[in-house]
Amino acid sequence: MNNKDINKMTYREATQELEEILRAIESDSVDVDELTQKVQRSSLLIKFCKDKLRNAENAINQVFNEENCEEPASKSEKGSAGSGTLFQ
């Protein structure tokens, strides 16, 4: 198992390590003492991957918003959008 610091990993490295852990567990090559450590590491890697995906999604959405010349709506714009009035 790769014990590289998660914060220094790429998404690809994290998913590859997850696959390695899964293969080890599926092949029954993991003893009970090691299983807990692998499950804990897997949990950290999954969280890391989810965060990477969320960040990528946010960055992509921001690019699309900028491309469409859209500015994120302010709180006051959001609140008045559904009121049915053009001016307040």
PDB file of N, CA and C in Angstrom:
ATOM      1  N   MET A   1       0.851  -1.186   0.000  1.00  0.00           N
ATOM      2  CA  MET A   1       0.000   0.000   0.000  1.00  0.00           C
ATOM      3  C   MET A   1       0.883   1.230   0.000  1.00  0.00           C
ATOM      4  N   ASN A   2       0.496   2.201  -0.755  1.00  0.00           N
ATOM      5  CA  ASN A   2       1.197   3.469  -0.839  1.00  0.00           C
ATOM      6  C   ASN A   2       0.766   4.341   0.333  1.00  0.00           C
ATOM      7  N   ASN A   3       1.723   4.770   1.132  1.00  0.00           N
ATOM      8  CA  ASN A   3       1.394   5.607   2.280  1.00  0.00           C
ATOM      9  C   ASN A   3       1.720   7.066   2.021  1.00  0.00           C
ATOM     10  N   LYS A   4       1.687   7.474   0.775  1.00  0.00           N
ATOM     11  CA  LYS A   4       1.955   8.853   0.402  1.00  0.00           C
ATOM     12  C   LYS A   4       0.929   9.763   1.077  1.00  0.00           C
ATOM     13  N   ASP A   5       1.399  10.937   1.474  1.00  0.00           N
ATOM     14  CA  ASP A   5       0.510  11.929   2.086  1.00  0.00           C
ATOM     15  C   ASP A   5      -0.627  12.247   1.111  1.00  0.00           C
ATOM     16  N   ILE A   6      -1.841  12.095   1.560  1.00  0.00           N
ATOM     17  CA  ILE A   6      -3.011  12.291   0.698  1.00  0.00           C
ATOM     18  C   ILE A   6      -3.024  13.682   0.083  1.00  0.00           C
ATOM     19  N   ASN A   7      -2.642  14.692   0.830  1.00  0.00           N
ATOM     20  CA  ASN A   7      -2.690  16.058   0.314  1.00  0.00           C
ATOM     21  C   ASN A   7      -1.705  16.300  -0.822  1.00  0.00           C
ATOM     22  N   LYS A   8      -0.748  15.404  -1.004  1.00  0.00           N
ATOM     23  CA  LYS A   8       0.228  15.545  -2.090  1.00  0.00           C
ATOM     24  C   LYS A   8      -0.080  14.616  -3.255  1.00  0.00           C
ATOM     25  N   MET A   9      -1.212  13.940  -3.196  1.00  0.00           N
ATOM     26  CA  MET A   9      -1.581  12.974  -4.226  1.00  0.00           C
ATOM     27  C   MET A   9      -2.391  13.638  -5.326  1.00  0.00           C
ATOM     28  N   THR A  10      -2.353  12.999  -6.481  1.00  0.00           N
ATOM     29  CA  THR A  10      -3.270  13.376  -7.544  1.00  0.00           C
ATOM     30  C   THR A  10      -4.516  12.500  -7.419  1.00  0.00           C
ATOM     31  N   TYR A  11      -5.545  12.881  -8.133  1.00  0.00           N
ATOM     32  CA  TYR A  11      -6.769  12.083  -8.145  1.00  0.00           C
ATOM     33  C   TYR A  11      -6.466  10.678  -8.668  1.00  0.00           C
ATOM     34  N   ARG A  12      -5.669  10.609  -9.721  1.00  0.00           N
ATOM     35  CA  ARG A  12      -5.326   9.316 -10.323  1.00  0.00           C
ATOM     36  C   ARG A  12      -4.588   8.426  -9.333  1.00  0.00           C
ATOM     37  N   GLU A  13      -3.634   8.995  -8.609  1.00  0.00           N
ATOM     38  CA  GLU A  13      -2.890   8.208  -7.621  1.00  0.00           C
ATOM     39  C   GLU A  13      -3.818   7.671  -6.532  1.00  0.00           C
ATOM     40  N   ALA A  14      -4.755   8.510  -6.108  1.00  0.00           N
ATOM     41  CA  ALA A  14      -5.692   8.091  -5.065  1.00  0.00           C
ATOM     42  C   ALA A  14      -6.582   6.952  -5.547  1.00  0.00           C
ATOM     43  N   THR A  15      -7.093   7.069  -6.765  1.00  0.00           N
ATOM     44  CA  THR A  15      -7.962   5.999  -7.271  1.00  0.00           C
ATOM     45  C   THR A  15      -7.172   4.714  -7.505  1.00  0.00           C
ATOM     46  N   GLN A  16      -5.921   4.841  -7.931  1.00  0.00           N
ATOM     47  CA  GLN A  16      -5.090   3.645  -8.111  1.00  0.00           C
ATOM     48  C   GLN A  16      -4.832   2.950  -6.775  1.00  0.00           C
ATOM     49  N   GLU A  17      -4.587   3.742  -5.739  1.00  0.00           N
ATOM     50  CA  GLU A  17      -4.381   3.136  -4.421  1.00  0.00           C
ATOM     51  C   GLU A  17      -5.662   2.470  -3.927  1.00  0.00           C
ATOM     52  N   LEU A  18      -6.799   3.096  -4.165  1.00  0.00           N
ATOM     53  CA  LEU A  18      -8.075   2.477  -3.797  1.00  0.00           C
ATOM     54  C   LEU A  18      -8.259   1.137  -4.515  1.00  0.00           C
ATOM     55  N   GLU A  19      -7.899   1.085  -5.778  1.00  0.00           N
ATOM     56  CA  GLU A  19      -8.007  -0.167  -6.535  1.00  0.00           C
ATOM     57  C   GLU A  19      -7.077  -1.234  -5.965  1.00  0.00           C
ATOM     58  N   GLU A  20      -5.877  -0.834  -5.565  1.00  0.00           N
ATOM     59  CA  GLU A  20      -4.933  -1.779  -4.955  1.00  0.00           C
ATOM     60  C   GLU A  20      -5.497  -2.348  -3.651  1.00  0.00           C
ATOM     61  N   ILE A  21      -6.077  -1.482  -2.845  1.00  0.00           N
ATOM     62  CA  ILE A  21      -6.667  -1.919  -1.577  1.00  0.00           C
ATOM     63  C   ILE A  21      -7.811  -2.879  -1.843  1.00  0.00           C
ATOM     64  N   LEU A  22      -8.654  -2.548  -2.805  1.00  0.00           N
ATOM     65  CA  LEU A  22      -9.788  -3.411  -3.143  1.00  0.00           C
ATOM     66  C   LEU A  22      -9.317  -4.785  -3.608  1.00  0.00           C
ATOM     67  N   ARG A  23      -8.313  -4.817  -4.478  1.00  0.00           N
ATOM     68  CA  ARG A  23      -7.782  -6.103  -4.958  1.00  0.00           C
ATOM     69  C   ARG A  23      -7.234  -6.937  -3.804  1.00  0.00           C
ATOM     70  N   ALA A  24      -6.526  -6.272  -2.880  1.00  0.00           N
ATOM     71  CA  ALA A  24      -5.959  -6.990  -1.736  1.00  0.00           C
ATOM     72  C   ALA A  24      -7.063  -7.576  -0.858  1.00  0.00           C
ATOM     73  N   ILE A  25      -8.108  -6.801  -0.635  1.00  0.00           N
ATOM     74  CA  ILE A  25      -9.218  -7.281   0.207  1.00  0.00           C
ATOM     75  C   ILE A  25      -9.962  -8.420  -0.490  1.00  0.00           C
ATOM     76  N   GLU A  26     -10.200  -8.256  -1.801  1.00  0.00           N
ATOM     77  CA  GLU A  26     -10.923  -9.289  -2.547  1.00  0.00           C
ATOM     78  C   GLU A  26     -10.137 -10.599  -2.635  1.00  0.00           C
ATOM     79  N   SER A  27      -8.818 -10.513  -2.638  1.00  0.00           N
ATOM     80  CA  SER A  27      -8.011 -11.726  -2.768  1.00  0.00           C
ATOM     81  C   SER A  27      -7.741 -12.390  -1.416  1.00  0.00           C
ATOM     82  N   ASP A  28      -8.319 -11.845  -0.374  1.00  0.00           N
ATOM     83  CA  ASP A  28      -8.149 -12.377   0.986  1.00  0.00           C
ATOM     84  C   ASP A  28      -6.688 -12.364   1.444  1.00  0.00           C
ATOM     85  N   SER A  29      -5.881 -11.482   0.876  1.00  0.00           N
ATOM     86  CA  SER A  29      -4.473 -11.409   1.280  1.00  0.00           C
ATOM     87  C   SER A  29      -4.275 -10.452   2.457  1.00  0.00           C
ATOM     88  N   VAL A  30      -5.368  -9.936   2.997  1.00  0.00           N
ATOM     89  CA  VAL A  30      -5.311  -8.988   4.103  1.00  0.00           C
ATOM     90  C   VAL A  30      -5.753  -9.695   5.375  1.00  0.00           C
ATOM     91  N   ASP A  31      -4.899  -9.645   6.392  1.00  0.00           N
ATOM     92  CA  ASP A  31      -5.318 -10.239   7.662  1.00  0.00           C
ATOM     93  C   ASP A  31      -6.168  -9.231   8.434  1.00  0.00           C
ATOM     94  N   VAL A  32      -6.786  -9.691   9.461  1.00  0.00           N
ATOM     95  CA  VAL A  32      -7.736  -8.869  10.227  1.00  0.00           C
ATOM     96  C   VAL A  32      -7.065  -7.616  10.788  1.00  0.00           C
ATOM     97  N   ASP A  33      -5.830  -7.758  11.240  1.00  0.00           N
ATOM     98  CA  ASP A  33      -5.137  -6.605  11.813  1.00  0.00           C
ATOM     99  C   ASP A  33      -4.898  -5.506  10.770  1.00  0.00           C
ATOM    100  N   GLU A  34      -4.619  -5.916   9.558  1.00  0.00           N
ATOM    101  CA  GLU A  34      -4.349  -4.960   8.491  1.00  0.00           C
ATOM    102  C   GLU A  34      -5.635  -4.416   7.877  1.00  0.00           C
ATOM    103  N   LEU A  35      -6.713  -5.157   7.977  1.00  0.00           N
ATOM    104  CA  LEU A  35      -7.978  -4.772   7.372  1.00  0.00           C
ATOM    105  C   LEU A  35      -8.467  -3.422   7.881  1.00  0.00           C
ATOM    106  N   THR A  36      -8.400  -3.217   9.181  1.00  0.00           N
ATOM    107  CA  THR A  36      -8.863  -1.953   9.757  1.00  0.00           C
ATOM    108  C   THR A  36      -8.081  -0.777   9.181  1.00  0.00           C
ATOM    109  N   GLN A  37      -6.779  -0.920   9.073  1.00  0.00           N
ATOM    110  CA  GLN A  37      -5.957   0.146   8.508  1.00  0.00           C
ATOM    111  C   GLN A  37      -6.319   0.424   7.053  1.00  0.00           C
ATOM    112  N   LYS A  38      -6.552  -0.615   6.289  1.00  0.00           N
ATOM    113  CA  LYS A  38      -6.897  -0.448   4.877  1.00  0.00           C
ATOM    114  C   LYS A  38      -8.264   0.219   4.719  1.00  0.00           C
ATOM    115  N   VAL A  39      -9.199  -0.149   5.562  1.00  0.00           N
ATOM    116  CA  VAL A  39     -10.532   0.462   5.497  1.00  0.00           C
ATOM    117  C   VAL A  39     -10.446   1.942   5.879  1.00  0.00           C
ATOM    118  N   GLN A  40      -9.674   2.265   6.898  1.00  0.00           N
ATOM    119  CA  GLN A  40      -9.500   3.667   7.294  1.00  0.00           C
ATOM    120  C   GLN A  40      -8.829   4.468   6.179  1.00  0.00           C
ATOM    121  N   ARG A  41      -7.790   3.897   5.570  1.00  0.00           N
ATOM    122  CA  ARG A  41      -7.094   4.573   4.465  1.00  0.00           C
ATOM    123  C   ARG A  41      -8.054   4.761   3.294  1.00  0.00           C
ATOM    124  N   SER A  42      -8.854   3.753   3.007  1.00  0.00           N
ATOM    125  CA  SER A  42      -9.826   3.846   1.915  1.00  0.00           C
ATOM    126  C   SER A  42     -10.811   4.976   2.160  1.00  0.00           C
ATOM    127  N   SER A  43     -11.265   5.104   3.384  1.00  0.00           N
ATOM    128  CA  SER A  43     -12.200   6.168   3.727  1.00  0.00           C
ATOM    129  C   SER A  43     -11.588   7.544   3.462  1.00  0.00           C
ATOM    130  N   LEU A  44     -10.334   7.722   3.848  1.00  0.00           N
ATOM    131  CA  LEU A  44      -9.648   8.995   3.593  1.00  0.00           C
ATOM    132  C   LEU A  44      -9.484   9.248   2.095  1.00  0.00           C
ATOM    133  N   LEU A  45      -9.133   8.209   1.355  1.00  0.00           N
ATOM    134  CA  LEU A  45      -8.946   8.350  -0.086  1.00  0.00           C
ATOM    135  C   LEU A  45     -10.263   8.681  -0.793  1.00  0.00           C
ATOM    136  N   ILE A  46     -11.342   8.059  -0.360  1.00  0.00           N
ATOM    137  CA  ILE A  46     -12.652   8.341  -0.962  1.00  0.00           C
ATOM    138  C   ILE A  46     -13.055   9.783  -0.698  1.00  0.00           C
ATOM    139  N   LYS A  47     -12.863  10.250   0.521  1.00  0.00           N
ATOM    140  CA  LYS A  47     -13.173  11.651   0.842  1.00  0.00           C
ATOM    141  C   LYS A  47     -12.326  12.590  -0.017  1.00  0.00           C
ATOM    142  N   PHE A  48     -11.045  12.288  -0.148  1.00  0.00           N
ATOM    143  CA  PHE A  48     -10.150  13.091  -0.958  1.00  0.00           C
ATOM    144  C   PHE A  48     -10.643  13.153  -2.409  1.00  0.00           C
ATOM    145  N   CYS A  49     -11.019  12.007  -2.972  1.00  0.00           N
ATOM    146  CA  CYS A  49     -11.498  11.962  -4.353  1.00  0.00           C
ATOM    147  C   CYS A  49     -12.797  12.751  -4.523  1.00  0.00           C
ATOM    148  N   LYS A  50     -13.707  12.616  -3.572  1.00  0.00           N
ATOM    149  CA  LYS A  50     -14.961  13.381  -3.633  1.00  0.00           C
ATOM    150  C   LYS A  50     -14.686  14.878  -3.608  1.00  0.00           C
ATOM    151  N   ASP A  51     -13.772  15.306  -2.750  1.00  0.00           N
ATOM    152  CA  ASP A  51     -13.419  16.725  -2.679  1.00  0.00           C
ATOM    153  C   ASP A  51     -12.814  17.209  -3.991  1.00  0.00           C
ATOM    154  N   LYS A  52     -11.949  16.401  -4.582  1.00  0.00           N
ATOM    155  CA  LYS A  52     -11.338  16.755  -5.875  1.00  0.00           C
ATOM    156  C   LYS A  52     -12.418  16.911  -6.947  1.00  0.00           C
ATOM    157  N   LEU A  53     -13.374  15.975  -6.960  1.00  0.00           N
ATOM    158  CA  LEU A  53     -14.449  16.046  -7.952  1.00  0.00           C
ATOM    159  C   LEU A  53     -15.331  17.269  -7.742  1.00  0.00           C
ATOM    160  N   ARG A  54     -15.649  17.586  -6.489  1.00  0.00           N
ATOM    161  CA  ARG A  54     -16.452  18.785  -6.200  1.00  0.00           C
ATOM    162  C   ARG A  54     -15.720  20.048  -6.641  1.00  0.00           C
ATOM    163  N   ASN A  55     -14.421  20.110  -6.352  1.00  0.00           N
ATOM    164  CA  ASN A  55     -13.639  21.283  -6.752  1.00  0.00           C
ATOM    165  C   ASN A  55     -13.594  21.419  -8.268  1.00  0.00           C
ATOM    166  N   ALA A  56     -13.433  20.305  -8.957  1.00  0.00           N
ATOM    167  CA  ALA A  56     -13.415  20.340 -10.416  1.00  0.00           C
ATOM    168  C   ALA A  56     -14.770  20.793 -10.957  1.00  0.00           C
ATOM    169  N   GLU A  57     -15.842  20.283 -10.375  1.00  0.00           N
ATOM    170  CA  GLU A  57     -17.186  20.678 -10.805  1.00  0.00           C
ATOM    171  C   GLU A  57     -17.403  22.175 -10.601  1.00  0.00           C
ATOM    172  N   ASN A  58     -16.985  22.690  -9.455  1.00  0.00           N
ATOM    173  CA  ASN A  58     -17.133  24.122  -9.179  1.00  0.00           C
ATOM    174  C   ASN A  58     -16.318  24.961 -10.159  1.00  0.00           C
ATOM    175  N   ALA A  59     -15.105  24.523 -10.465  1.00  0.00           N
ATOM    176  CA  ALA A  59     -14.263  25.257 -11.404  1.00  0.00           C
ATOM    177  C   ALA A  59     -14.885  25.250 -12.801  1.00  0.00           C
ATOM    178  N   ILE A  60     -15.414  24.096 -13.213  1.00  0.00           N
ATOM    179  CA  ILE A  60     -16.050  24.001 -14.528  1.00  0.00           C
ATOM    180  C   ILE A  60     -17.292  24.877 -14.586  1.00  0.00           C
ATOM    181  N   ASN A  61     -18.100  24.843 -13.540  1.00  0.00           N
ATOM    182  CA  ASN A  61     -19.296  25.697 -13.497  1.00  0.00           C
ATOM    183  C   ASN A  61     -18.922  27.161 -13.571  1.00  0.00           C
ATOM    184  N   GLN A  62     -17.851  27.543 -12.898  1.00  0.00           N
ATOM    185  CA  GLN A  62     -17.404  28.936 -12.923  1.00  0.00           C
ATOM    186  C   GLN A  62     -16.991  29.333 -14.341  1.00  0.00           C
ATOM    187  N   VAL A  63     -16.296  28.449 -15.037  1.00  0.00           N
ATOM    188  CA  VAL A  63     -15.892  28.738 -16.417  1.00  0.00           C
ATOM    189  C   VAL A  63     -17.120  28.911 -17.299  1.00  0.00           C
ATOM    190  N   PHE A  64     -18.097  28.027 -17.156  1.00  0.00           N
ATOM    191  CA  PHE A  64     -19.310  28.139 -17.961  1.00  0.00           C
ATOM    192  C   PHE A  64     -20.076  29.419 -17.633  1.00  0.00           C
ATOM    193  N   ASN A  65     -20.129  29.786 -16.366  1.00  0.00           N
ATOM    194  CA  ASN A  65     -20.808  31.028 -15.991  1.00  0.00           C
ATOM    195  C   ASN A  65     -20.103  32.232 -16.590  1.00  0.00           C
ATOM    196  N   GLU A  66     -18.781  32.232 -16.559  1.00  0.00           N
ATOM    197  CA  GLU A  66     -18.028  33.332 -17.147  1.00  0.00           C
ATOM    198  C   GLU A  66     -18.193  33.350 -18.662  1.00  0.00           C
ATOM    199  N   GLU A  67     -18.211  32.191 -19.273  1.00  0.00           N
ATOM    200  CA  GLU A  67     -18.356  32.071 -20.725  1.00  0.00           C
ATOM    201  C   GLU A  67     -19.713  32.608 -21.172  1.00  0.00           C
ATOM    202  N   ASN A  68     -20.735  32.387 -20.367  1.00  0.00           N
ATOM    203  CA  ASN A  68     -22.084  32.861 -20.682  1.00  0.00           C
ATOM    204  C   ASN A  68     -22.326  34.272 -20.180  1.00  0.00           C
ATOM    205  N   CYS A  69     -21.272  34.920 -19.696  1.00  0.00           N
ATOM    206  CA  CYS A  69     -21.350  36.283 -19.161  1.00  0.00           C
ATOM    207  C   CYS A  69     -22.356  36.385 -18.027  1.00  0.00           C
ATOM    208  N   GLU A  70     -22.436  35.339 -17.251  1.00  0.00           N
ATOM    209  CA  GLU A  70     -23.337  35.340 -16.111  1.00  0.00           C
ATOM    210  C   GLU A  70     -22.546  35.616 -14.857  1.00  0.00           C
ATOM    211  N   GLU A  71     -23.067  36.454 -14.035  1.00  0.00           N
ATOM    212  CA  GLU A  71     -22.487  36.706 -12.723  1.00  0.00           C
ATOM    213  C   GLU A  71     -23.313  35.934 -11.712  1.00  0.00           C
ATOM    214  N   PRO A  72     -22.675  35.365 -10.705  1.00  0.00           N
ATOM    215  CA  PRO A  72     -23.458  34.701  -9.665  1.00  0.00           C
ATOM    216  C   PRO A  72     -24.447  35.678  -9.051  1.00  0.00           C
ATOM    217  N   ALA A  73     -25.666  35.235  -8.862  1.00  0.00           N
ATOM    218  CA  ALA A  73     -26.702  36.094  -8.312  1.00  0.00           C
ATOM    219  C   ALA A  73     -26.405  36.427  -6.863  1.00  0.00           C
ATOM    220  N   SER A  74     -26.601  37.690  -6.508  1.00  0.00           N
ATOM    221  CA  SER A  74     -26.423  38.076  -5.112  1.00  0.00           C
ATOM    222  C   SER A  74     -27.646  37.641  -4.331  1.00  0.00           C
ATOM    223  N   LYS A  75     -27.553  37.711  -3.019  1.00  0.00           N
ATOM    224  CA  LYS A  75     -28.682  37.297  -2.175  1.00  0.00           C
ATOM    225  C   LYS A  75     -29.927  38.114  -2.480  1.00  0.00           C
ATOM    226  N   SER A  76     -29.770  39.421  -2.715  1.00  0.00           N
ATOM    227  CA  SER A  76     -30.943  40.258  -2.972  1.00  0.00           C
ATOM    228  C   SER A  76     -31.578  39.898  -4.310  1.00  0.00           C
ATOM    229  N   GLU A  77     -30.765  39.534  -5.308  1.00  0.00           N
ATOM    230  CA  GLU A  77     -31.315  39.135  -6.598  1.00  0.00           C
ATOM    231  C   GLU A  77     -32.057  37.816  -6.484  1.00  0.00           C
ATOM    232  N   LYS A  78     -31.509  36.898  -5.699  1.00  0.00           N
ATOM    233  CA  LYS A  78     -32.161  35.603  -5.518  1.00  0.00           C
ATOM    234  C   LYS A  78     -33.502  35.775  -4.832  1.00  0.00           C
ATOM    235  N   GLY A  79     -33.542  36.640  -3.839  1.00  0.00           N
ATOM    236  CA  GLY A  79     -34.766  36.825  -3.074  1.00  0.00           C
ATOM    237  C   GLY A  79     -35.865  37.481  -3.872  1.00  0.00           C
ATOM    238  N   SER A  80     -35.519  38.385  -4.788  1.00  0.00           N
ATOM    239  CA  SER A  80     -36.551  39.098  -5.527  1.00  0.00           C
ATOM    240  C   SER A  80     -36.931  38.393  -6.820  1.00  0.00           C
ATOM    241  N   ALA A  81     -36.155  37.413  -7.237  1.00  0.00           N
ATOM    242  CA  ALA A  81     -36.402  36.751  -8.510  1.00  0.00           C
ATOM    243  C   ALA A  81     -37.765  36.078  -8.520  1.00  0.00           C
ATOM    244  N   GLY A  82     -38.190  35.538  -7.445  1.00  0.00           N
ATOM    245  CA  GLY A  82     -39.453  34.825  -7.433  1.00  0.00           C
ATOM    246  C   GLY A  82     -40.628  35.673  -6.990  1.00  0.00           C
ATOM    247  N   SER A  83     -40.425  36.981  -6.800  1.00  0.00           N
ATOM    248  CA  SER A  83     -41.498  37.819  -6.259  1.00  0.00           C
ATOM    249  C   SER A  83     -42.498  38.249  -7.307  1.00  0.00           C
ATOM    250  N   GLY A  84     -42.111  38.153  -8.613  1.00  0.00           N
ATOM    251  CA  GLY A  84     -43.044  38.539  -9.650  1.00  0.00           C
ATOM    252  C   GLY A  84     -43.036  40.017  -9.962  1.00  0.00           C
ATOM    253  N   THR A  85     -42.218  40.791  -9.298  1.00  0.00           N
ATOM    254  CA  THR A  85     -42.132  42.226  -9.561  1.00  0.00           C
ATOM    255  C   THR A  85     -40.803  42.539 -10.228  1.00  0.00           C
ATOM    256  N   LEU A  86     -40.821  43.532 -11.110  1.00  0.00           N
ATOM    257  CA  LEU A  86     -39.588  43.926 -11.780  1.00  0.00           C
ATOM    258  C   LEU A  86     -38.769  44.882 -10.947  1.00  0.00           C
ATOM    259  N   PHE A  87     -39.426  45.737 -10.204  1.00  0.00           N
ATOM    260  CA  PHE A  87     -38.724  46.740  -9.396  1.00  0.00           C
ATOM    261  C   PHE A  87     -39.224  46.692  -7.967  1.00  0.00           C
ATOM    262  N   GLN A  88     -38.346  47.048  -7.083  1.00  0.00           N
ATOM    263  CA  GLN A  88     -38.762  47.060  -5.675  1.00  0.00           C
ATOM    264  C   GLN A  88     -38.813  48.477  -5.175  1.00  0.00           C
TER     265      GLN A  88
END
